[in-house]
Amino acid sequence: MTNNSFLEGLFGLNGQTAVVIGGTGVLGGAICEGLAKAGASVVVSGRSEERGQQRVSGIVSAGGKAIFAPVDVAQSSSLEALKSRSLEVGAGTVEILVNCAGVNSATPYEEIKEEEWDRVVDGNLKATHLACQAFAPMMSEQANGGSILNIGSVTAHLPLSKVYAYSASKAAVVNLTQNLAREFAKKNVRLNTLCPGFFPAEQNRKILTAERVENIMSQTPMARFGETDELIGAVLLLCSRNAGGFITGASYYVDGGFTAMRF
């Protein structure tokens, strides 16, 4: 017989505020919904107010709590404004931050222009850095600390053809997360990286040609793409102060076995 109170104690997020940067996207949106179902008050953050409000409406209609707050991840002032708005949502604290904004590019290496390289690296690495810098020190001053989950990729460890800047930036996100995990471990703030495998989303649809899909499936033991809901269990584990209280600096794969084919 399932002990719901036991599971609630491990994974429940009642009374906590979770900020999801990139919550207007496919993966970020699913993460917003999962955190809300676990009881968190969710700040759905991104550039598109229309998509953000749609996500909020869906969460609220399902009985959850959510608001939309805009952000420009490349601007520290915008992230500071997001932090201030997020502190108003709960009891003046933010317990969870998920950095899910991402940028990709499929330009052949010889043709990548400097501005395109910078756009991808800034959108993945600099944005993660600025958000951590805005939220981690504040979390360290809270009685219950906090948890930051940065979204990496299997390409951070296994460079994937045709996404050079993306792979490099995600590898740097993993390294940054490990460094910050060491820095904030004694300050009651945990930082981990969730590394998804292949989940069709807006940023990678343009590179998922039939030939590429066939190659990916041949290297994925489960021989299918991931469903967005299949990220939620890992998110709750890594974000929960009870279930994941001794997990920091980790890179957690949800990839259908893709990395097992290479290690």
Foldseek 3Di string as FASTA:
>chain_A
DDDVVVVLVFQADAQAEEEEEVCLWDLNLLQQLLNQVSHHAYEREEADPVSSVVSQVVSVVVPGHYDYQYADLLDLVRLLVVLVVRLVRGVSAHAEYEYDFAAWFQDAPVPDDPVNLCVRLCRQAVSVVSNCVNHQVVQLPDPQRHEYEYEAAPLCVVPDPRTVSNNVSSVVVLVVQLVVQVVCVVSNYAYEYEHEYADDIDRCPVVPDVVNLVVQLVLQVQSDGDDSNLCSVVVSCRGGCRNVVPDHSYYHYDYNCNVVSPD
